[in-house]
Amino acid sequence: MPRKFFRKYLPDVDTVRSSRLVAPFGSWLQHPNLWCLNRRSVPGAVAIGLFCGLIPGPLQMIGALLLAIPLRRNIPVALLLTLYTNPLTIVPLYLLAYGYGQALLGATQGAVPFEPFMWDWSDIGGSLREFGAWTLALGKPLAIGLLALATTLGVVGYFVTELAWRTYIVLAWRSRARRRSYRRDSS
C-alpha cells in the first residue's frame, strides 16, 4: 500500500506514546502491529473501524480503540475509519440498517415508524435527544440491522482491503520485474 501517503497523515508513534493522556497505558501500546502499516494489521483495523462506526452515540472511537488493542490491529486506521458516520451520513445509515433488520426479521412493513428528524445546529442537545427518541422508536429491526450492517461492512471492508493490498503488491512485483528485465536487456 502507499505507506508514504499514510505516514504523512498519521501521527508519530513516539509522540502518541509520550502524550500525557496515553502515557499511563504505555505498556499496552507497545505491540508493533498497533502502529505499523502492514498487511496483517491494516485490514483488521479497517474491519474494526467500519464495525465500530455504527456504534450509537459518541462511543465509536472508544469501541474501536478497545477492539484494536487486544486484537493488535492498527489503532490510527481503526480510529480514522469510524469517521464515516457523521451528522450527514448517520440517518441514511440507520435507515439502511432498519431496512436490513426488517429483511432479516422477515417483517413486511416497509415504512419507518415516523419521519426522521431534521438536525438543528443551534440546538445540538435537543437534536441529540430527538435522534435518540427516533432511534428507540425503531426498536428491534434497527438493533438487529445495526449489528448485521456493522458486521457486513466490517467483513466487506476487511476483504476489500486485503484484496487491494494484494493487488498493489502483485503490481509492484510485476513492475519491478519489468524494470529488471529492461535493465538486463539494455545491458
N, C-alpha and C. Protein backbone atom coordinates (compact mmCIF):
# COMPACT_ATOMS: atom_id res chain seq x y z
N MET A 1 0.85 -1.18 0.00
CA MET A 1 0.00 0.00 0.00
C MET A 1 0.90 1.24 0.00
N PRO A 2 0.37 2.37 -0.35
CA PRO A 2 1.17 3.60 -0.37
C PRO A 2 1.45 4.09 1.04
N ARG A 3 2.44 3.50 1.67
CA ARG A 3 2.75 3.82 3.07
C ARG A 3 3.17 5.27 3.26
N LYS A 4 3.90 5.80 2.29
CA LYS A 4 4.36 7.18 2.41
C LYS A 4 3.18 8.13 2.53
N PHE A 5 2.11 7.85 1.76
CA PHE A 5 0.92 8.68 1.81
C PHE A 5 0.31 8.64 3.21
N PHE A 6 0.15 7.44 3.76
CA PHE A 6 -0.47 7.30 5.07
C PHE A 6 0.42 7.86 6.18
N ARG A 7 1.71 7.63 6.08
CA ARG A 7 2.62 8.11 7.12
C ARG A 7 2.64 9.63 7.21
N LYS A 8 2.35 10.28 6.09
CA LYS A 8 2.33 11.74 6.09
C LYS A 8 1.21 12.27 6.99
N TYR A 9 0.09 11.51 7.07
CA TYR A 9 -1.07 11.98 7.81
C TYR A 9 -1.24 11.34 9.18
N LEU A 10 -0.58 10.22 9.42
CA LEU A 10 -0.71 9.56 10.72
C LEU A 10 0.27 10.15 11.72
N PRO A 11 -0.11 10.19 12.99
CA PRO A 11 0.80 10.75 14.00
C PRO A 11 1.99 9.84 14.25
N ASP A 12 3.07 10.43 14.72
CA ASP A 12 4.27 9.68 15.05
C ASP A 12 4.01 8.83 16.29
N VAL A 13 4.45 7.60 16.29
CA VAL A 13 4.18 6.65 17.38
C VAL A 13 4.74 7.16 18.70
N ASP A 14 5.97 7.63 18.69
CA ASP A 14 6.59 8.10 19.94
C ASP A 14 5.87 9.31 20.50
N THR A 15 5.38 10.18 19.63
CA THR A 15 4.62 11.35 20.08
C THR A 15 3.34 10.91 20.77
N VAL A 16 2.66 9.94 20.19
CA VAL A 16 1.42 9.45 20.79
C VAL A 16 1.69 8.78 22.12
N ARG A 17 2.70 7.92 22.16
CA ARG A 17 3.02 7.19 23.40
C ARG A 17 3.46 8.12 24.53
N SER A 18 4.09 9.23 24.19
CA SER A 18 4.57 10.14 25.23
C SER A 18 3.52 11.16 25.65
N SER A 19 2.38 11.13 25.02
CA SER A 19 1.29 12.04 25.38
C SER A 19 0.88 11.84 26.83
N ARG A 20 0.51 12.90 27.47
CA ARG A 20 0.12 12.87 28.88
C ARG A 20 -1.06 11.94 29.13
N LEU A 21 -1.99 11.89 28.19
CA LEU A 21 -3.18 11.03 28.35
C LEU A 21 -2.89 9.56 28.05
N VAL A 22 -1.92 9.31 27.19
CA VAL A 22 -1.64 7.95 26.75
C VAL A 22 -0.55 7.29 27.59
N ALA A 23 0.34 8.05 28.18
CA ALA A 23 1.49 7.51 28.91
C ALA A 23 1.12 6.45 29.96
N PRO A 24 0.05 6.59 30.74
CA PRO A 24 -0.27 5.53 31.72
C PRO A 24 -0.59 4.17 31.08
N PHE A 25 -0.97 4.16 29.83
CA PHE A 25 -1.31 2.91 29.15
C PHE A 25 -0.19 2.43 28.24
N GLY A 26 1.00 2.97 28.43
CA GLY A 26 2.14 2.70 27.56
C GLY A 26 2.45 1.24 27.36
N SER A 27 2.35 0.41 28.40
CA SER A 27 2.70 -1.00 28.25
C SER A 27 1.72 -1.73 27.32
N TRP A 28 0.49 -1.27 27.24
CA TRP A 28 -0.49 -1.90 26.36
C TRP A 28 -0.27 -1.50 24.90
N LEU A 29 0.43 -0.41 24.69
CA LEU A 29 0.56 0.15 23.35
C LEU A 29 1.92 -0.12 22.71
N GLN A 30 2.60 -1.17 23.16
CA GLN A 30 3.95 -1.44 22.67
C GLN A 30 4.00 -2.36 21.45
N HIS A 31 2.95 -3.13 21.21
CA HIS A 31 3.00 -4.09 20.10
C HIS A 31 3.13 -3.35 18.77
N PRO A 32 4.05 -3.78 17.91
CA PRO A 32 4.28 -3.07 16.64
C PRO A 32 3.07 -3.01 15.71
N ASN A 33 2.22 -4.05 15.73
CA ASN A 33 1.06 -4.04 14.83
C ASN A 33 0.07 -2.93 15.15
N LEU A 34 0.13 -2.38 16.36
CA LEU A 34 -0.77 -1.29 16.72
C LEU A 34 -0.45 -0.01 15.96
N TRP A 35 0.76 0.08 15.43
CA TRP A 35 1.19 1.32 14.79
C TRP A 35 1.71 1.14 13.38
N CYS A 36 2.09 -0.09 12.99
CA CYS A 36 2.67 -0.32 11.67
C CYS A 36 1.60 -0.52 10.62
N LEU A 37 1.90 -0.04 9.44
CA LEU A 37 1.02 -0.25 8.29
C LEU A 37 1.51 -1.49 7.56
N ASN A 38 0.94 -2.64 7.90
CA ASN A 38 1.30 -3.87 7.22
C ASN A 38 0.06 -4.65 6.85
N ARG A 39 0.23 -5.69 6.06
CA ARG A 39 -0.92 -6.42 5.52
C ARG A 39 -1.67 -7.22 6.56
N ARG A 40 -1.13 -7.37 7.75
CA ARG A 40 -1.84 -8.08 8.80
C ARG A 40 -2.64 -7.14 9.69
N SER A 41 -2.13 -5.96 9.94
CA SER A 41 -2.81 -5.08 10.89
C SER A 41 -3.81 -4.13 10.23
N VAL A 42 -3.59 -3.73 9.00
CA VAL A 42 -4.47 -2.74 8.37
C VAL A 42 -5.84 -3.30 7.99
N PRO A 43 -5.94 -4.47 7.32
CA PRO A 43 -7.29 -4.96 7.01
C PRO A 43 -8.15 -5.20 8.25
N GLY A 44 -7.54 -5.70 9.31
CA GLY A 44 -8.27 -5.87 10.57
C GLY A 44 -8.71 -4.54 11.15
N ALA A 45 -7.85 -3.53 11.04
CA ALA A 45 -8.20 -2.20 11.53
C ALA A 45 -9.34 -1.60 10.71
N VAL A 46 -9.34 -1.84 9.42
CA VAL A 46 -10.43 -1.36 8.57
C VAL A 46 -11.74 -2.01 9.01
N ALA A 47 -11.71 -3.32 9.25
CA ALA A 47 -12.91 -4.03 9.71
C ALA A 47 -13.39 -3.48 11.05
N ILE A 48 -12.47 -3.25 11.97
CA ILE A 48 -12.83 -2.72 13.29
C ILE A 48 -13.43 -1.32 13.16
N GLY A 49 -12.81 -0.47 12.37
CA GLY A 49 -13.32 0.89 12.19
C GLY A 49 -14.70 0.93 11.56
N LEU A 50 -14.92 0.09 10.55
CA LEU A 50 -16.23 0.06 9.90
C LEU A 50 -17.29 -0.53 10.83
N PHE A 51 -16.91 -1.54 11.60
CA PHE A 51 -17.85 -2.14 12.54
C PHE A 51 -18.21 -1.15 13.65
N CYS A 52 -17.21 -0.53 14.24
CA CYS A 52 -17.45 0.38 15.36
C CYS A 52 -18.05 1.71 14.93
N GLY A 53 -17.97 2.04 13.67
CA GLY A 53 -18.56 3.29 13.19
C GLY A 53 -20.07 3.33 13.38
N LEU A 54 -20.71 2.18 13.49
CA LEU A 54 -22.16 2.13 13.67
C LEU A 54 -22.57 2.00 15.14
N ILE A 55 -21.62 2.06 16.06
CA ILE A 55 -21.99 2.07 17.47
C ILE A 55 -22.73 3.37 17.74
N PRO A 56 -23.91 3.29 18.35
CA PRO A 56 -24.67 4.52 18.61
C PRO A 56 -23.94 5.45 19.57
N GLY A 57 -24.14 6.72 19.35
CA GLY A 57 -23.60 7.72 20.24
C GLY A 57 -22.14 8.03 19.99
N PRO A 58 -21.53 8.72 20.90
CA PRO A 58 -20.14 9.15 20.72
C PRO A 58 -19.11 8.11 21.17
N LEU A 59 -19.47 6.84 21.21
CA LEU A 59 -18.59 5.80 21.72
C LEU A 59 -17.87 5.03 20.62
N GLN A 60 -17.96 5.51 19.41
CA GLN A 60 -17.39 4.79 18.27
C GLN A 60 -15.88 4.65 18.37
N MET A 61 -15.19 5.73 18.63
CA MET A 61 -13.73 5.67 18.70
C MET A 61 -13.25 4.88 19.91
N ILE A 62 -13.96 5.00 21.01
CA ILE A 62 -13.59 4.21 22.20
C ILE A 62 -13.77 2.73 21.90
N GLY A 63 -14.87 2.37 21.24
CA GLY A 63 -15.09 0.99 20.86
C GLY A 63 -14.01 0.47 19.93
N ALA A 64 -13.63 1.28 18.95
CA ALA A 64 -12.57 0.89 18.02
C ALA A 64 -11.24 0.71 18.74
N LEU A 65 -10.95 1.60 19.65
CA LEU A 65 -9.71 1.50 20.42
C LEU A 65 -9.71 0.25 21.28
N LEU A 66 -10.83 -0.03 21.95
CA LEU A 66 -10.91 -1.19 22.83
C LEU A 66 -10.87 -2.51 22.06
N LEU A 67 -11.23 -2.50 20.80
CA LEU A 67 -11.10 -3.71 19.98
C LEU A 67 -9.72 -3.81 19.33
N ALA A 68 -9.17 -2.68 18.89
CA ALA A 68 -7.89 -2.70 18.17
C ALA A 68 -6.73 -3.13 19.07
N ILE A 69 -6.73 -2.73 20.33
CA ILE A 69 -5.60 -3.05 21.20
C ILE A 69 -5.49 -4.55 21.46
N PRO A 70 -6.53 -5.23 21.96
CA PRO A 70 -6.34 -6.67 22.20
C PRO A 70 -6.21 -7.50 20.92
N LEU A 71 -6.81 -7.03 19.82
CA LEU A 71 -6.71 -7.76 18.56
C LEU A 71 -5.43 -7.41 17.80
N ARG A 72 -4.68 -6.43 18.31
CA ARG A 72 -3.40 -5.99 17.75
C ARG A 72 -3.52 -5.57 16.29
N ARG A 73 -4.42 -4.62 16.09
CA ARG A 73 -4.63 -4.04 14.77
C ARG A 73 -4.28 -2.57 14.84
N ASN A 74 -4.02 -1.97 13.70
CA ASN A 74 -3.54 -0.59 13.62
C ASN A 74 -4.55 0.38 14.24
N ILE A 75 -4.14 1.06 15.30
CA ILE A 75 -5.02 1.96 16.03
C ILE A 75 -5.42 3.19 15.21
N PRO A 76 -4.48 3.92 14.60
CA PRO A 76 -4.89 5.11 13.86
C PRO A 76 -5.87 4.81 12.72
N VAL A 77 -5.66 3.70 12.01
CA VAL A 77 -6.57 3.36 10.91
C VAL A 77 -7.95 3.02 11.45
N ALA A 78 -8.01 2.25 12.54
CA ALA A 78 -9.30 1.89 13.13
C ALA A 78 -10.05 3.13 13.59
N LEU A 79 -9.34 4.06 14.23
CA LEU A 79 -9.99 5.29 14.71
C LEU A 79 -10.45 6.16 13.55
N LEU A 80 -9.62 6.28 12.55
CA LEU A 80 -9.95 7.13 11.40
C LEU A 80 -11.18 6.61 10.65
N LEU A 81 -11.31 5.31 10.53
CA LEU A 81 -12.41 4.76 9.75
C LEU A 81 -13.75 4.83 10.47
N THR A 82 -13.77 5.13 11.75
CA THR A 82 -15.06 5.31 12.41
C THR A 82 -15.72 6.61 11.97
N LEU A 83 -14.97 7.48 11.33
CA LEU A 83 -15.49 8.79 10.96
C LEU A 83 -16.41 8.78 9.74
N TYR A 84 -16.67 7.59 9.17
CA TYR A 84 -17.61 7.56 8.05
C TYR A 84 -19.03 7.86 8.52
N THR A 85 -19.28 7.72 9.81
CA THR A 85 -20.58 8.13 10.34
C THR A 85 -20.43 9.53 10.91
N ASN A 86 -21.30 10.41 10.50
CA ASN A 86 -21.29 11.79 10.94
C ASN A 86 -22.72 12.30 10.83
N PRO A 87 -23.01 13.53 11.22
CA PRO A 87 -24.40 14.02 11.15
C PRO A 87 -25.02 13.95 9.75
N LEU A 88 -24.21 13.93 8.70
CA LEU A 88 -24.77 13.85 7.35
C LEU A 88 -25.07 12.41 6.92
N THR A 89 -24.34 11.44 7.44
CA THR A 89 -24.50 10.06 6.99
C THR A 89 -25.24 9.17 7.97
N ILE A 90 -25.40 9.58 9.21
CA ILE A 90 -25.95 8.68 10.22
C ILE A 90 -27.41 8.32 9.95
N VAL A 91 -28.22 9.27 9.55
CA VAL A 91 -29.64 8.97 9.30
C VAL A 91 -29.79 8.00 8.12
N PRO A 92 -29.14 8.23 6.96
CA PRO A 92 -29.26 7.24 5.89
C PRO A 92 -28.73 5.86 6.30
N LEU A 93 -27.65 5.82 7.07
CA LEU A 93 -27.12 4.53 7.51
C LEU A 93 -28.10 3.83 8.45
N TYR A 94 -28.73 4.58 9.34
CA TYR A 94 -29.69 3.98 10.26
C TYR A 94 -30.95 3.53 9.51
N LEU A 95 -31.36 4.26 8.50
CA LEU A 95 -32.48 3.81 7.68
C LEU A 95 -32.13 2.53 6.92
N LEU A 96 -30.91 2.46 6.41
CA LEU A 96 -30.45 1.24 5.75
C LEU A 96 -30.41 0.08 6.74
N ALA A 97 -29.90 0.33 7.94
CA ALA A 97 -29.84 -0.71 8.96
C ALA A 97 -31.25 -1.15 9.36
N TYR A 98 -32.19 -0.22 9.44
CA TYR A 98 -33.57 -0.56 9.77
C TYR A 98 -34.17 -1.47 8.70
N GLY A 99 -33.96 -1.13 7.44
CA GLY A 99 -34.45 -1.97 6.35
C GLY A 99 -33.78 -3.33 6.34
N TYR A 100 -32.50 -3.37 6.64
CA TYR A 100 -31.74 -4.61 6.71
C TYR A 100 -32.29 -5.48 7.84
N GLY A 101 -32.56 -4.86 8.99
CA GLY A 101 -33.13 -5.58 10.12
C GLY A 101 -34.51 -6.12 9.82
N GLN A 102 -35.32 -5.32 9.14
CA GLN A 102 -36.66 -5.79 8.75
C GLN A 102 -36.55 -6.99 7.81
N ALA A 103 -35.63 -6.93 6.88
CA ALA A 103 -35.45 -8.04 5.94
C ALA A 103 -34.99 -9.30 6.68
N LEU A 104 -34.09 -9.14 7.64
CA LEU A 104 -33.61 -10.30 8.39
C LEU A 104 -34.68 -10.89 9.29
N LEU A 105 -35.55 -10.04 9.82
CA LEU A 105 -36.62 -10.50 10.69
C LEU A 105 -37.84 -10.99 9.90
N GLY A 106 -37.83 -10.76 8.61
CA GLY A 106 -38.96 -11.16 7.78
C GLY A 106 -40.17 -10.27 7.93
N ALA A 107 -39.95 -9.05 8.41
CA ALA A 107 -41.06 -8.11 8.59
C ALA A 107 -41.53 -7.62 7.24
N THR A 108 -42.83 -7.40 7.12
CA THR A 108 -43.39 -6.96 5.85
C THR A 108 -43.62 -5.46 5.79
N GLN A 109 -43.75 -4.84 6.96
CA GLN A 109 -43.99 -3.39 6.92
C GLN A 109 -42.75 -2.70 6.40
N GLY A 110 -42.91 -1.76 5.48
CA GLY A 110 -41.77 -1.12 4.86
C GLY A 110 -41.53 0.29 5.34
N ALA A 111 -42.45 0.85 6.08
CA ALA A 111 -42.33 2.26 6.46
C ALA A 111 -41.63 2.41 7.80
N VAL A 112 -40.88 3.46 7.92
CA VAL A 112 -40.26 3.83 9.19
C VAL A 112 -41.37 4.35 10.10
N PRO A 113 -41.35 4.05 11.42
CA PRO A 113 -42.43 4.46 12.31
C PRO A 113 -42.85 5.92 12.20
N PHE A 114 -41.94 6.80 12.05
CA PHE A 114 -42.27 8.20 11.81
C PHE A 114 -41.12 8.85 11.08
N GLU A 115 -41.36 10.00 10.53
CA GLU A 115 -40.36 10.67 9.71
C GLU A 115 -39.11 10.98 10.52
N PRO A 116 -37.94 10.85 9.90
CA PRO A 116 -36.71 11.23 10.58
C PRO A 116 -36.71 12.73 10.90
N PHE A 117 -36.00 13.08 11.92
CA PHE A 117 -35.95 14.47 12.37
C PHE A 117 -35.01 15.30 11.51
N MET A 118 -35.11 16.58 11.65
CA MET A 118 -34.18 17.50 11.00
C MET A 118 -33.17 17.97 12.04
N TRP A 119 -31.92 17.87 11.72
CA TRP A 119 -30.85 18.27 12.63
C TRP A 119 -30.84 19.79 12.76
N ASP A 120 -30.84 20.27 14.00
CA ASP A 120 -30.83 21.70 14.27
C ASP A 120 -29.51 22.05 14.94
N TRP A 121 -28.61 22.71 14.19
CA TRP A 121 -27.29 23.03 14.70
C TRP A 121 -27.34 24.05 15.84
N SER A 122 -28.39 24.82 15.93
CA SER A 122 -28.48 25.81 17.01
C SER A 122 -28.88 25.15 18.33
N ASP A 123 -29.46 23.96 18.27
CA ASP A 123 -29.85 23.22 19.48
C ASP A 123 -29.35 21.78 19.36
N ILE A 124 -28.04 21.60 19.53
CA ILE A 124 -27.44 20.28 19.37
C ILE A 124 -27.98 19.31 20.41
N GLY A 125 -28.13 19.74 21.64
CA GLY A 125 -28.66 18.87 22.69
C GLY A 125 -30.07 18.37 22.35
N GLY A 126 -30.92 19.28 21.90
CA GLY A 126 -32.27 18.90 21.51
C GLY A 126 -32.27 17.96 20.31
N SER A 127 -31.36 18.21 19.38
CA SER A 127 -31.25 17.33 18.22
C SER A 127 -30.81 15.94 18.63
N LEU A 128 -29.86 15.86 19.55
CA LEU A 128 -29.41 14.55 20.03
C LEU A 128 -30.53 13.81 20.76
N ARG A 129 -31.30 14.52 21.58
CA ARG A 129 -32.43 13.88 22.27
C ARG A 129 -33.46 13.39 21.27
N GLU A 130 -33.75 14.21 20.26
CA GLU A 130 -34.72 13.83 19.24
C GLU A 130 -34.22 12.63 18.44
N PHE A 131 -32.91 12.61 18.14
CA PHE A 131 -32.32 11.48 17.44
C PHE A 131 -32.42 10.21 18.28
N GLY A 132 -32.16 10.32 19.58
CA GLY A 132 -32.28 9.17 20.48
C GLY A 132 -33.70 8.64 20.53
N ALA A 133 -34.68 9.52 20.62
CA ALA A 133 -36.08 9.10 20.65
C ALA A 133 -36.47 8.43 19.33
N TRP A 134 -36.00 8.97 18.22
CA TRP A 134 -36.29 8.38 16.91
C TRP A 134 -35.66 7.00 16.81
N THR A 135 -34.42 6.86 17.29
CA THR A 135 -33.73 5.58 17.24
C THR A 135 -34.46 4.53 18.08
N LEU A 136 -34.88 4.90 19.30
CA LEU A 136 -35.60 3.96 20.17
C LEU A 136 -36.93 3.54 19.56
N ALA A 137 -37.59 4.43 18.84
CA ALA A 137 -38.87 4.10 18.22
C ALA A 137 -38.71 3.05 17.12
N LEU A 138 -37.53 2.94 16.56
CA LEU A 138 -37.30 1.96 15.50
C LEU A 138 -37.14 0.54 16.05
N GLY A 139 -36.74 0.39 17.31
CA GLY A 139 -36.76 -0.87 18.03
C GLY A 139 -35.91 -2.00 17.49
N LYS A 140 -36.50 -3.20 17.55
CA LYS A 140 -35.80 -4.44 17.24
C LYS A 140 -35.24 -4.49 15.82
N PRO A 141 -35.99 -4.08 14.78
CA PRO A 141 -35.40 -4.12 13.43
C PRO A 141 -34.13 -3.27 13.33
N LEU A 142 -34.10 -2.14 14.02
CA LEU A 142 -32.91 -1.29 13.98
C LEU A 142 -31.75 -1.96 14.71
N ALA A 143 -32.01 -2.53 15.88
CA ALA A 143 -30.94 -3.17 16.65
C ALA A 143 -30.32 -4.33 15.87
N ILE A 144 -31.16 -5.19 15.32
CA ILE A 144 -30.67 -6.31 14.52
C ILE A 144 -29.97 -5.80 13.26
N GLY A 145 -30.56 -4.80 12.62
CA GLY A 145 -30.00 -4.25 11.40
C GLY A 145 -28.65 -3.57 11.62
N LEU A 146 -28.51 -2.85 12.74
CA LEU A 146 -27.22 -2.21 13.04
C LEU A 146 -26.13 -3.25 13.22
N LEU A 147 -26.42 -4.28 13.97
CA LEU A 147 -25.43 -5.34 14.19
C LEU A 147 -25.09 -6.04 12.87
N ALA A 148 -26.10 -6.34 12.08
CA ALA A 148 -25.87 -7.04 10.81
C ALA A 148 -25.13 -6.13 9.82
N LEU A 149 -25.53 -4.86 9.74
CA LEU A 149 -24.86 -3.93 8.82
C LEU A 149 -23.42 -3.69 9.24
N ALA A 150 -23.19 -3.53 10.54
CA ALA A 150 -21.82 -3.33 11.03
C ALA A 150 -20.95 -4.54 10.71
N THR A 151 -21.50 -5.73 10.91
CA THR A 151 -20.75 -6.95 10.61
C THR A 151 -20.48 -7.06 9.11
N THR A 152 -21.49 -6.77 8.31
CA THR A 152 -21.33 -6.83 6.86
C THR A 152 -20.28 -5.83 6.38
N LEU A 153 -20.36 -4.59 6.87
CA LEU A 153 -19.38 -3.58 6.47
C LEU A 153 -17.97 -3.98 6.91
N GLY A 154 -17.85 -4.52 8.11
CA GLY A 154 -16.55 -4.95 8.61
C GLY A 154 -15.95 -6.06 7.76
N VAL A 155 -16.76 -7.08 7.44
CA VAL A 155 -16.28 -8.21 6.64
C VAL A 155 -15.92 -7.75 5.23
N VAL A 156 -16.79 -6.97 4.61
CA VAL A 156 -16.52 -6.47 3.25
C VAL A 156 -15.28 -5.58 3.26
N GLY A 157 -15.18 -4.69 4.25
CA GLY A 157 -14.01 -3.82 4.36
C GLY A 157 -12.72 -4.60 4.52
N TYR A 158 -12.76 -5.66 5.31
CA TYR A 158 -11.58 -6.50 5.52
C TYR A 158 -11.13 -7.11 4.19
N PHE A 159 -12.07 -7.76 3.49
CA PHE A 159 -11.69 -8.45 2.26
C PHE A 159 -11.33 -7.49 1.13
N VAL A 160 -11.98 -6.35 1.04
CA VAL A 160 -11.62 -5.36 0.01
C VAL A 160 -10.22 -4.81 0.29
N THR A 161 -9.91 -4.53 1.54
CA THR A 161 -8.57 -4.03 1.89
C THR A 161 -7.52 -5.10 1.63
N GLU A 162 -7.82 -6.33 2.01
CA GLU A 162 -6.90 -7.44 1.76
C GLU A 162 -6.64 -7.60 0.26
N LEU A 163 -7.71 -7.54 -0.54
CA LEU A 163 -7.58 -7.67 -1.99
C LEU A 163 -6.81 -6.49 -2.59
N ALA A 164 -7.11 -5.28 -2.13
CA ALA A 164 -6.40 -4.09 -2.64
C ALA A 164 -4.91 -4.17 -2.29
N TRP A 165 -4.61 -4.60 -1.08
CA TRP A 165 -3.21 -4.71 -0.65
C TRP A 165 -2.49 -5.74 -1.52
N ARG A 166 -3.12 -6.89 -1.71
CA ARG A 166 -2.52 -7.97 -2.50
C ARG A 166 -2.33 -7.52 -3.95
N THR A 167 -3.31 -6.82 -4.51
CA THR A 167 -3.22 -6.32 -5.88
C THR A 167 -2.08 -5.32 -6.01
N TYR A 168 -1.95 -4.44 -5.05
CA TYR A 168 -0.87 -3.46 -5.07
C TYR A 168 0.49 -4.17 -5.05
N ILE A 169 0.63 -5.18 -4.21
CA ILE A 169 1.90 -5.91 -4.10
C ILE A 169 2.21 -6.64 -5.41
N VAL A 170 1.23 -7.31 -5.99
CA VAL A 170 1.45 -8.04 -7.24
C VAL A 170 1.85 -7.07 -8.35
N LEU A 171 1.16 -5.93 -8.44
CA LEU A 171 1.51 -4.94 -9.46
C LEU A 171 2.91 -4.37 -9.23
N ALA A 172 3.28 -4.17 -7.97
CA ALA A 172 4.62 -3.67 -7.67
C ALA A 172 5.68 -4.71 -8.05
N TRP A 173 5.41 -5.98 -7.77
CA TRP A 173 6.35 -7.04 -8.16
C TRP A 173 6.52 -7.09 -9.67
N ARG A 174 5.40 -7.03 -10.40
CA ARG A 174 5.47 -7.07 -11.86
C ARG A 174 6.22 -5.87 -12.42
N SER A 175 5.98 -4.71 -11.85
CA SER A 175 6.68 -3.51 -12.30
C SER A 175 8.18 -3.64 -12.04
N ARG A 176 8.53 -4.14 -10.87
CA ARG A 176 9.93 -4.34 -10.53
C ARG A 176 10.57 -5.36 -11.48
N ALA A 177 9.84 -6.43 -11.78
CA ALA A 177 10.37 -7.45 -12.69
C ALA A 177 10.57 -6.87 -14.09
N ARG A 178 9.64 -6.03 -14.55
CA ARG A 178 9.78 -5.40 -15.87
C ARG A 178 11.01 -4.48 -15.89
N ARG A 179 11.21 -3.71 -14.81
CA ARG A 179 12.37 -2.82 -14.76
C ARG A 179 13.66 -3.61 -14.78
N ARG A 180 13.71 -4.70 -14.03
CA ARG A 180 14.91 -5.54 -14.01
C ARG A 180 15.16 -6.17 -15.38
N SER A 181 14.09 -6.65 -16.00
CA SER A 181 14.20 -7.25 -17.32
C SER A 181 14.67 -6.23 -18.35
N TYR A 182 14.15 -5.03 -18.27
CA TYR A 182 14.55 -3.96 -19.18
C TYR A 182 16.03 -3.62 -18.98
N ARG A 183 16.48 -3.57 -17.73
CA ARG A 183 17.89 -3.27 -17.46
C ARG A 183 18.79 -4.37 -18.00
N ARG A 184 18.38 -5.63 -17.83
CA ARG A 184 19.20 -6.76 -18.34
C ARG A 184 19.24 -6.73 -19.85
N ASP A 185 18.09 -6.45 -20.48
CA ASP A 185 18.05 -6.44 -21.94
C ASP A 185 18.83 -5.28 -22.53
N SER A 186 18.85 -4.15 -21.85
CA SER A 186 19.55 -2.98 -22.38
C SER A 186 21.05 -3.01 -22.07
N SER A 187 21.50 -3.93 -21.23
CA SER A 187 22.93 -4.01 -20.89
C SER A 187 23.71 -4.77 -21.90
